[in-house]
Amino acid sequence: MLASWSTKYEIEDDCVNVTVRWSPWGSMTKWVIGRIVPSEAGIIQLWVVQQRRLELLHTETNYYSGLRNRLIEIVDELAPAGKPMRDIIGRRETWFRYSILNSHNQLQVLEEWFSHRQCLQDSEKREVRVQEIETLKKFPLPPLDVQIHERKSLDIKSFGHPLPDSFSRS
């Protein structure tokens, strides 16, 4: 099933044909990301809900840490590397989709194409043509027995034994 969400990269004489097969849409929750997104290299897109429709917020490729780790990094409040993207997202409802591609050089070409969306040439001066294929489906949401909640700060008062009164907190 994951093979259907992979990117196909074909080199011809004077052009490069790239077919991006997008995964179903997933909500930005740890449950969905942790159970459905693979830890493989690829490209991800983040979309936010704006006035009852999805708008593209960000497209990035991820090679070394994998797609799952990057998305968890964005969702997890304790991950400092995801803070800039969390600040951009804010409190808006966010969805993601991804496609798998395991070649670092090909991912760089694809990232360049998505950032410019124009006639692009690769390092060997071949025209890059990208076709996107998507199914308008969603990944399943967490079951009702999985509680999703946000914690503003870590409550250290309930950890361990009570501290003596003579211990000063500074």
N, C-alpha and C. Protein backbone atom coordinates (compact mmCIF):
# COMPACT_ATOMS: atom_id res chain seq x y z
N MET A 1 0.82 -1.20 0.00
CA MET A 1 0.00 0.00 0.00
C MET A 1 0.86 1.26 0.00
N LEU A 2 1.98 1.26 0.71
CA LEU A 2 2.85 2.43 0.72
C LEU A 2 3.45 2.70 -0.64
N ALA A 3 3.65 1.65 -1.44
CA ALA A 3 4.22 1.84 -2.77
C ALA A 3 3.34 2.75 -3.62
N SER A 4 2.05 2.73 -3.34
CA SER A 4 1.16 3.60 -4.11
C SER A 4 1.32 5.07 -3.75
N TRP A 5 2.02 5.36 -2.64
CA TRP A 5 2.25 6.75 -2.23
C TRP A 5 3.69 7.16 -2.46
N SER A 6 4.33 6.52 -3.39
CA SER A 6 5.72 6.86 -3.66
C SER A 6 5.82 7.74 -4.91
N THR A 7 6.96 8.36 -5.05
CA THR A 7 7.20 9.25 -6.18
C THR A 7 8.01 8.50 -7.22
N LYS A 8 7.59 8.62 -8.46
CA LYS A 8 8.28 7.95 -9.57
C LYS A 8 9.10 9.00 -10.32
N TYR A 9 10.35 8.71 -10.53
CA TYR A 9 11.30 9.66 -11.13
C TYR A 9 11.87 9.00 -12.38
N GLU A 10 11.49 9.49 -13.56
CA GLU A 10 11.94 8.91 -14.82
C GLU A 10 12.75 9.93 -15.61
N ILE A 11 13.92 9.51 -16.05
CA ILE A 11 14.79 10.39 -16.83
C ILE A 11 14.72 9.99 -18.29
N GLU A 12 14.39 10.96 -19.13
CA GLU A 12 14.40 10.77 -20.57
C GLU A 12 15.56 11.57 -21.15
N ASP A 13 15.65 11.65 -22.46
CA ASP A 13 16.77 12.33 -23.10
C ASP A 13 16.88 13.79 -22.68
N ASP A 14 15.80 14.55 -22.86
CA ASP A 14 15.85 15.99 -22.63
C ASP A 14 14.98 16.47 -21.47
N CYS A 15 14.36 15.53 -20.74
CA CYS A 15 13.51 15.95 -19.62
C CYS A 15 13.47 14.88 -18.52
N VAL A 16 12.99 15.31 -17.37
CA VAL A 16 12.79 14.43 -16.23
C VAL A 16 11.31 14.48 -15.90
N ASN A 17 10.66 13.33 -15.91
CA ASN A 17 9.25 13.23 -15.57
C ASN A 17 9.12 12.69 -14.14
N VAL A 18 8.47 13.48 -13.30
CA VAL A 18 8.29 13.10 -11.90
C VAL A 18 6.79 12.96 -11.64
N THR A 19 6.39 11.80 -11.13
CA THR A 19 4.99 11.58 -10.77
C THR A 19 4.91 11.45 -9.26
N VAL A 20 4.26 12.41 -8.63
CA VAL A 20 4.11 12.42 -7.17
C VAL A 20 2.73 11.86 -6.85
N ARG A 21 2.70 10.70 -6.20
CA ARG A 21 1.45 10.10 -5.74
C ARG A 21 1.31 10.42 -4.25
N TRP A 22 0.34 11.30 -3.96
CA TRP A 22 0.15 11.76 -2.58
C TRP A 22 -0.62 10.74 -1.77
N SER A 23 -0.27 10.67 -0.50
CA SER A 23 -0.99 9.83 0.45
C SER A 23 -2.37 10.44 0.72
N PRO A 24 -3.24 9.69 1.40
CA PRO A 24 -4.47 10.34 1.88
C PRO A 24 -4.13 11.46 2.85
N TRP A 25 -5.10 12.32 3.13
CA TRP A 25 -4.91 13.44 4.05
C TRP A 25 -4.90 12.92 5.48
N GLY A 26 -4.01 13.48 6.30
CA GLY A 26 -3.95 13.10 7.72
C GLY A 26 -4.03 14.32 8.59
N SER A 27 -4.71 14.20 9.73
CA SER A 27 -4.77 15.31 10.67
C SER A 27 -3.47 15.33 11.47
N MET A 28 -3.04 16.50 11.86
CA MET A 28 -1.77 16.66 12.57
C MET A 28 -1.95 16.30 14.04
N THR A 29 -2.10 15.00 14.30
CA THR A 29 -2.15 14.50 15.66
C THR A 29 -1.08 13.42 15.80
N LYS A 30 -0.54 13.27 17.00
CA LYS A 30 0.50 12.26 17.22
C LYS A 30 0.01 10.87 16.90
N TRP A 31 -1.25 10.60 17.18
CA TRP A 31 -1.79 9.27 16.95
C TRP A 31 -1.76 8.93 15.47
N VAL A 32 -2.25 9.81 14.64
CA VAL A 32 -2.29 9.56 13.19
C VAL A 32 -0.86 9.48 12.64
N ILE A 33 -0.02 10.43 13.01
CA ILE A 33 1.35 10.46 12.50
C ILE A 33 2.12 9.22 12.93
N GLY A 34 2.06 8.89 14.21
CA GLY A 34 2.83 7.77 14.74
C GLY A 34 2.43 6.42 14.20
N ARG A 35 1.19 6.26 13.81
CA ARG A 35 0.73 4.96 13.36
C ARG A 35 0.66 4.81 11.85
N ILE A 36 0.67 5.90 11.12
CA ILE A 36 0.43 5.81 9.68
C ILE A 36 1.60 6.30 8.84
N VAL A 37 2.33 7.29 9.28
CA VAL A 37 3.40 7.88 8.47
C VAL A 37 4.67 7.05 8.62
N PRO A 38 5.31 6.67 7.51
CA PRO A 38 6.54 5.88 7.60
C PRO A 38 7.75 6.75 7.94
N SER A 39 8.78 6.10 8.49
CA SER A 39 10.04 6.81 8.77
C SER A 39 10.96 6.63 7.57
N GLU A 40 10.53 7.14 6.46
CA GLU A 40 11.31 7.07 5.22
C GLU A 40 11.48 8.48 4.68
N ALA A 41 12.39 8.62 3.75
CA ALA A 41 12.61 9.93 3.11
C ALA A 41 11.45 10.23 2.17
N GLY A 42 11.21 11.50 1.97
CA GLY A 42 10.14 11.89 1.07
C GLY A 42 9.83 13.36 1.16
N ILE A 43 8.65 13.70 0.67
CA ILE A 43 8.20 15.09 0.64
C ILE A 43 6.88 15.17 1.40
N ILE A 44 6.73 16.24 2.18
CA ILE A 44 5.49 16.45 2.92
C ILE A 44 4.95 17.84 2.61
N GLN A 45 3.63 17.95 2.67
CA GLN A 45 2.97 19.24 2.55
C GLN A 45 2.07 19.43 3.75
N LEU A 46 2.09 20.64 4.29
CA LEU A 46 1.20 21.01 5.39
C LEU A 46 0.16 21.99 4.85
N TRP A 47 -1.08 21.74 5.15
CA TRP A 47 -2.19 22.56 4.70
C TRP A 47 -2.98 23.02 5.93
N VAL A 48 -3.44 24.26 5.93
CA VAL A 48 -4.25 24.78 7.02
C VAL A 48 -5.65 25.10 6.51
N VAL A 49 -6.60 25.01 7.42
CA VAL A 49 -7.98 25.33 7.08
C VAL A 49 -8.15 26.83 7.19
N GLN A 50 -8.51 27.46 6.09
CA GLN A 50 -8.77 28.90 6.03
C GLN A 50 -10.15 29.10 5.42
N GLN A 51 -11.07 29.63 6.17
CA GLN A 51 -12.41 29.92 5.69
C GLN A 51 -13.02 28.73 4.96
N ARG A 52 -13.03 27.59 5.64
CA ARG A 52 -13.66 26.34 5.19
C ARG A 52 -13.01 25.72 3.96
N ARG A 53 -11.75 26.03 3.69
CA ARG A 53 -11.03 25.36 2.62
C ARG A 53 -9.57 25.22 3.00
N LEU A 54 -8.90 24.27 2.38
CA LEU A 54 -7.49 24.03 2.69
C LEU A 54 -6.60 24.92 1.84
N GLU A 55 -5.61 25.52 2.48
CA GLU A 55 -4.61 26.32 1.77
C GLU A 55 -3.23 25.78 2.10
N LEU A 56 -2.39 25.69 1.08
CA LEU A 56 -1.04 25.18 1.26
C LEU A 56 -0.24 26.13 2.14
N LEU A 57 0.34 25.59 3.20
CA LEU A 57 1.15 26.38 4.12
C LEU A 57 2.63 26.16 3.86
N HIS A 58 3.02 24.89 3.64
CA HIS A 58 4.45 24.59 3.59
C HIS A 58 4.68 23.27 2.85
N THR A 59 5.73 23.23 2.06
CA THR A 59 6.19 22.01 1.40
C THR A 59 7.66 21.85 1.72
N GLU A 60 8.03 20.65 2.17
CA GLU A 60 9.45 20.40 2.45
C GLU A 60 9.78 18.94 2.19
N THR A 61 11.04 18.71 1.87
CA THR A 61 11.53 17.36 1.73
C THR A 61 12.28 17.00 3.01
N ASN A 62 12.31 15.72 3.29
CA ASN A 62 13.01 15.26 4.47
C ASN A 62 13.72 13.97 4.13
N TYR A 63 15.00 13.95 4.31
CA TYR A 63 15.78 12.78 3.92
C TYR A 63 16.36 12.04 5.12
N TYR A 64 17.07 12.71 5.98
CA TYR A 64 17.83 12.03 7.03
C TYR A 64 16.98 11.50 8.17
N SER A 65 16.06 12.26 8.69
CA SER A 65 15.31 11.79 9.86
C SER A 65 14.00 11.10 9.50
N GLY A 66 13.53 11.25 8.30
CA GLY A 66 12.29 10.59 7.89
C GLY A 66 11.07 11.47 8.08
N LEU A 67 10.01 11.11 7.37
CA LEU A 67 8.78 11.90 7.39
C LEU A 67 8.10 11.88 8.76
N ARG A 68 8.01 10.70 9.37
CA ARG A 68 7.34 10.59 10.67
C ARG A 68 8.01 11.46 11.71
N ASN A 69 9.33 11.40 11.78
CA ASN A 69 10.05 12.18 12.80
C ASN A 69 9.84 13.67 12.60
N ARG A 70 9.83 14.13 11.36
CA ARG A 70 9.64 15.56 11.11
C ARG A 70 8.25 16.02 11.52
N LEU A 71 7.23 15.22 11.20
CA LEU A 71 5.87 15.62 11.56
C LEU A 71 5.66 15.57 13.08
N ILE A 72 6.22 14.56 13.74
CA ILE A 72 6.14 14.49 15.21
C ILE A 72 6.84 15.69 15.83
N GLU A 73 7.97 16.07 15.24
CA GLU A 73 8.72 17.24 15.71
C GLU A 73 7.86 18.50 15.67
N ILE A 74 7.05 18.63 14.64
CA ILE A 74 6.19 19.81 14.50
C ILE A 74 5.06 19.78 15.51
N VAL A 75 4.52 18.61 15.78
CA VAL A 75 3.38 18.47 16.68
C VAL A 75 3.78 18.51 18.15
N ASP A 76 4.92 17.93 18.49
CA ASP A 76 5.34 17.76 19.88
C ASP A 76 5.85 19.08 20.47
N GLU A 77 5.18 19.53 21.51
CA GLU A 77 5.54 20.79 22.17
C GLU A 77 6.93 20.75 22.80
N LEU A 78 7.44 19.56 23.10
CA LEU A 78 8.75 19.44 23.74
C LEU A 78 9.90 19.41 22.74
N ALA A 79 9.60 19.39 21.45
CA ALA A 79 10.65 19.35 20.43
C ALA A 79 10.99 20.78 19.99
N PRO A 80 12.17 21.28 20.34
CA PRO A 80 12.52 22.66 19.99
C PRO A 80 12.66 22.89 18.49
N ALA A 81 13.03 21.88 17.72
CA ALA A 81 13.21 22.07 16.28
C ALA A 81 11.89 22.34 15.56
N GLY A 82 10.78 21.95 16.13
CA GLY A 82 9.48 22.18 15.50
C GLY A 82 8.82 23.49 15.88
N LYS A 83 9.42 24.23 16.80
CA LYS A 83 8.81 25.47 17.28
C LYS A 83 8.56 26.51 16.18
N PRO A 84 9.52 26.76 15.27
CA PRO A 84 9.22 27.75 14.22
C PRO A 84 7.98 27.40 13.39
N MET A 85 7.81 26.12 13.06
CA MET A 85 6.65 25.73 12.28
C MET A 85 5.38 25.79 13.13
N ARG A 86 5.47 25.42 14.41
CA ARG A 86 4.31 25.54 15.31
C ARG A 86 3.87 26.98 15.43
N ASP A 87 4.83 27.91 15.45
CA ASP A 87 4.50 29.34 15.52
C ASP A 87 3.76 29.80 14.27
N ILE A 88 4.18 29.29 13.12
CA ILE A 88 3.51 29.64 11.86
C ILE A 88 2.10 29.07 11.82
N ILE A 89 1.95 27.83 12.26
CA ILE A 89 0.64 27.17 12.25
C ILE A 89 -0.30 27.83 13.24
N GLY A 90 0.21 28.14 14.42
CA GLY A 90 -0.64 28.74 15.45
C GLY A 90 -1.68 27.75 15.93
N ARG A 91 -2.90 28.20 16.08
CA ARG A 91 -4.01 27.36 16.55
C ARG A 91 -4.87 26.85 15.41
N ARG A 92 -4.42 27.02 14.18
CA ARG A 92 -5.24 26.62 13.03
C ARG A 92 -5.26 25.09 12.85
N GLU A 93 -6.36 24.61 12.34
CA GLU A 93 -6.47 23.19 12.03
C GLU A 93 -5.54 22.87 10.86
N THR A 94 -4.72 21.85 11.01
CA THR A 94 -3.69 21.55 10.02
C THR A 94 -3.80 20.10 9.56
N TRP A 95 -3.59 19.90 8.26
CA TRP A 95 -3.61 18.58 7.64
C TRP A 95 -2.31 18.39 6.88
N PHE A 96 -1.92 17.14 6.68
CA PHE A 96 -0.70 16.85 5.94
C PHE A 96 -0.97 15.77 4.90
N ARG A 97 -0.05 15.69 3.94
CA ARG A 97 0.01 14.57 3.00
C ARG A 97 1.47 14.39 2.64
N TYR A 98 1.82 13.21 2.19
CA TYR A 98 3.23 12.92 1.91
C TYR A 98 3.36 11.99 0.71
N SER A 99 4.59 11.92 0.21
CA SER A 99 4.96 10.96 -0.82
C SER A 99 6.39 10.53 -0.54
N ILE A 100 6.68 9.26 -0.77
CA ILE A 100 7.98 8.69 -0.44
C ILE A 100 8.91 8.75 -1.65
N LEU A 101 10.14 9.18 -1.41
CA LEU A 101 11.19 9.19 -2.43
C LEU A 101 12.52 9.06 -1.70
N ASN A 102 13.29 8.03 -2.01
CA ASN A 102 14.49 7.73 -1.23
C ASN A 102 15.80 8.19 -1.85
N SER A 103 15.77 9.11 -2.78
CA SER A 103 16.99 9.65 -3.37
C SER A 103 17.15 11.11 -2.98
N HIS A 104 18.26 11.40 -2.31
CA HIS A 104 18.50 12.76 -1.84
C HIS A 104 18.57 13.76 -3.00
N ASN A 105 19.28 13.43 -4.07
CA ASN A 105 19.40 14.33 -5.23
C ASN A 105 18.04 14.56 -5.89
N GLN A 106 17.25 13.52 -6.02
CA GLN A 106 15.93 13.67 -6.63
C GLN A 106 15.00 14.49 -5.74
N LEU A 107 15.14 14.33 -4.42
CA LEU A 107 14.34 15.15 -3.50
C LEU A 107 14.70 16.63 -3.61
N GLN A 108 15.97 16.93 -3.81
CA GLN A 108 16.38 18.33 -3.97
C GLN A 108 15.77 18.93 -5.23
N VAL A 109 15.76 18.18 -6.31
CA VAL A 109 15.14 18.67 -7.56
C VAL A 109 13.65 18.91 -7.34
N LEU A 110 12.98 17.97 -6.65
CA LEU A 110 11.55 18.10 -6.39
C LEU A 110 11.24 19.28 -5.47
N GLU A 111 12.06 19.48 -4.46
CA GLU A 111 11.85 20.62 -3.55
C GLU A 111 12.02 21.94 -4.30
N GLU A 112 13.00 22.01 -5.18
CA GLU A 112 13.21 23.21 -5.99
C GLU A 112 12.00 23.47 -6.89
N TRP A 113 11.45 22.42 -7.47
CA TRP A 113 10.29 22.58 -8.35
C TRP A 113 9.09 23.08 -7.54
N PHE A 114 8.84 22.52 -6.37
CA PHE A 114 7.70 22.95 -5.57
C PHE A 114 7.87 24.37 -5.04
N SER A 115 9.09 24.80 -4.79
CA SER A 115 9.27 26.15 -4.29
C SER A 115 9.15 27.20 -5.38
N HIS A 116 9.39 26.84 -6.63
CA HIS A 116 9.32 27.81 -7.72
C HIS A 116 8.11 27.63 -8.63
N ARG A 117 7.63 26.39 -8.78
CA ARG A 117 6.47 26.10 -9.62
C ARG A 117 6.59 26.71 -11.01
N GLN A 118 7.72 26.56 -11.59
CA GLN A 118 7.93 27.08 -12.94
C GLN A 118 8.80 26.10 -13.70
N CYS A 119 9.11 26.43 -14.91
CA CYS A 119 9.96 25.58 -15.73
C CYS A 119 11.33 25.51 -15.06
N LEU A 120 11.70 24.34 -14.63
CA LEU A 120 12.93 24.16 -13.88
C LEU A 120 13.80 23.14 -14.60
N GLN A 121 15.09 23.32 -14.48
CA GLN A 121 16.02 22.36 -15.05
C GLN A 121 16.84 21.73 -13.93
N ASP A 122 17.16 20.44 -14.11
CA ASP A 122 18.00 19.78 -13.11
C ASP A 122 19.47 20.13 -13.38
N SER A 123 20.38 19.49 -12.65
CA SER A 123 21.81 19.83 -12.76
C SER A 123 22.39 19.51 -14.14
N GLU A 124 21.72 18.65 -14.89
CA GLU A 124 22.21 18.32 -16.23
C GLU A 124 21.40 19.01 -17.32
N LYS A 125 20.73 20.09 -16.98
CA LYS A 125 19.99 20.96 -17.90
C LYS A 125 18.82 20.26 -18.59
N ARG A 126 18.20 19.29 -17.91
CA ARG A 126 16.99 18.65 -18.43
C ARG A 126 15.78 19.31 -17.79
N GLU A 127 14.74 19.51 -18.56
CA GLU A 127 13.51 20.11 -18.06
C GLU A 127 12.84 19.15 -17.07
N VAL A 128 12.35 19.69 -15.96
CA VAL A 128 11.67 18.89 -14.95
C VAL A 128 10.17 19.10 -15.10
N ARG A 129 9.44 18.00 -15.28
CA ARG A 129 7.98 18.04 -15.38
C ARG A 129 7.41 17.22 -14.23
N VAL A 130 6.51 17.83 -13.47
CA VAL A 130 5.94 17.16 -12.30
C VAL A 130 4.44 17.00 -12.49
N GLN A 131 3.99 15.78 -12.24
CA GLN A 131 2.56 15.49 -12.26
C GLN A 131 2.17 15.00 -10.86
N GLU A 132 1.12 15.58 -10.31
CA GLU A 132 0.66 15.19 -8.97
C GLU A 132 -0.61 14.36 -9.09
N ILE A 133 -0.63 13.24 -8.38
CA ILE A 133 -1.80 12.37 -8.35
C ILE A 133 -2.23 12.25 -6.90
N GLU A 134 -3.50 12.53 -6.66
CA GLU A 134 -3.99 12.41 -5.29
C GLU A 134 -5.37 11.78 -5.27
N THR A 135 -5.62 11.07 -4.19
CA THR A 135 -6.96 10.55 -3.95
C THR A 135 -7.56 11.41 -2.86
N LEU A 136 -8.77 11.77 -3.01
CA LEU A 136 -9.41 12.65 -2.05
C LEU A 136 -9.97 11.82 -0.90
N LYS A 137 -9.04 11.24 -0.13
CA LYS A 137 -9.40 10.43 1.03
C LYS A 137 -8.67 10.97 2.25
N LYS A 138 -9.17 10.58 3.41
CA LYS A 138 -8.51 10.94 4.67
C LYS A 138 -8.07 9.67 5.37
N PHE A 139 -6.94 9.78 6.12
CA PHE A 139 -6.57 8.71 7.02
C PHE A 139 -7.61 8.67 8.13
N PRO A 140 -7.80 7.51 8.76
CA PRO A 140 -8.78 7.47 9.85
C PRO A 140 -8.34 8.32 11.04
N LEU A 141 -9.31 8.87 11.73
CA LEU A 141 -9.05 9.64 12.94
C LEU A 141 -8.82 8.68 14.10
N PRO A 142 -8.24 9.17 15.20
CA PRO A 142 -8.02 8.30 16.35
C PRO A 142 -9.34 7.74 16.88
N PRO A 143 -9.33 6.52 17.40
CA PRO A 143 -10.57 5.99 18.00
C PRO A 143 -10.94 6.80 19.24
N LEU A 144 -12.18 6.66 19.66
CA LEU A 144 -12.67 7.46 20.78
C LEU A 144 -11.94 7.17 22.09
N ASP A 145 -11.35 5.98 22.23
CA ASP A 145 -10.66 5.68 23.49
C ASP A 145 -9.27 6.30 23.57
N VAL A 146 -8.80 6.91 22.49
CA VAL A 146 -7.52 7.62 22.51
C VAL A 146 -7.82 9.09 22.81
N GLN A 147 -7.37 9.56 23.95
CA GLN A 147 -7.64 10.93 24.34
C GLN A 147 -6.58 11.85 23.76
N ILE A 148 -7.00 12.89 23.12
CA ILE A 148 -6.09 13.89 22.59
C ILE A 148 -6.32 15.16 23.40
N HIS A 149 -5.28 15.60 24.08
CA HIS A 149 -5.40 16.82 24.86
C HIS A 149 -4.09 17.58 24.77
N GLU A 150 -4.17 18.83 25.09
CA GLU A 150 -2.99 19.68 25.06
C GLU A 150 -2.62 20.04 26.49
N ARG A 151 -1.35 20.03 26.77
CA ARG A 151 -0.87 20.42 28.09
C ARG A 151 -0.05 21.69 27.90
N LYS A 152 -0.43 22.73 28.59
CA LYS A 152 0.25 24.01 28.44
C LYS A 152 1.65 23.99 29.02
N SER A 153 1.80 23.42 30.21
CA SER A 153 3.12 23.34 30.83
C SER A 153 3.20 22.08 31.67
N LEU A 154 4.38 21.66 31.96
CA LEU A 154 4.61 20.46 32.73
C LEU A 154 4.40 20.76 34.21
N ASP A 155 3.52 20.01 34.86
CA ASP A 155 3.23 20.20 36.28
C ASP A 155 4.18 19.32 37.09
N ILE A 156 5.19 19.94 37.71
CA ILE A 156 6.18 19.17 38.45
C ILE A 156 5.77 18.93 39.90
N LYS A 157 4.69 19.51 40.36
CA LYS A 157 4.28 19.36 41.75
C LYS A 157 3.85 17.93 42.06
N SER A 158 3.37 17.21 41.06
CA SER A 158 2.86 15.87 41.33
C SER A 158 3.91 14.78 41.13
N PHE A 159 5.16 15.13 40.84
CA PHE A 159 6.20 14.14 40.64
C PHE A 159 6.94 13.84 41.94
N GLY A 160 7.19 12.58 42.21
CA GLY A 160 8.07 12.16 43.30
C GLY A 160 7.56 12.51 44.68
N HIS A 161 8.46 12.42 45.65
CA HIS A 161 8.13 12.71 47.04
C HIS A 161 8.05 14.21 47.25
N PRO A 162 7.26 14.65 48.23
CA PRO A 162 7.18 16.08 48.51
C PRO A 162 8.53 16.60 49.00
N LEU A 163 8.85 17.81 48.61
CA LEU A 163 10.10 18.42 49.04
C LEU A 163 9.95 18.96 50.46
N PRO A 164 11.03 18.91 51.27
CA PRO A 164 10.95 19.47 52.63
C PRO A 164 10.72 20.97 52.58
N ASP A 165 10.13 21.49 53.64
CA ASP A 165 9.84 22.93 53.71
C ASP A 165 11.09 23.78 53.68
N SER A 166 12.21 23.24 54.17
CA SER A 166 13.45 24.02 54.22
C SER A 166 14.10 24.13 52.84
N PHE A 167 13.62 23.35 51.85
CA PHE A 167 14.21 23.41 50.52
C PHE A 167 13.71 24.67 49.83
N SER A 168 14.62 25.52 49.41
CA SER A 168 14.21 26.77 48.77
C SER A 168 14.21 26.58 47.26
N ARG A 169 13.17 27.02 46.63
CA ARG A 169 13.06 26.97 45.18
C ARG A 169 13.45 28.32 44.62
N SER A 170 14.38 28.30 43.69
CA SER A 170 14.79 29.57 43.09
C SER A 170 14.75 29.50 41.62
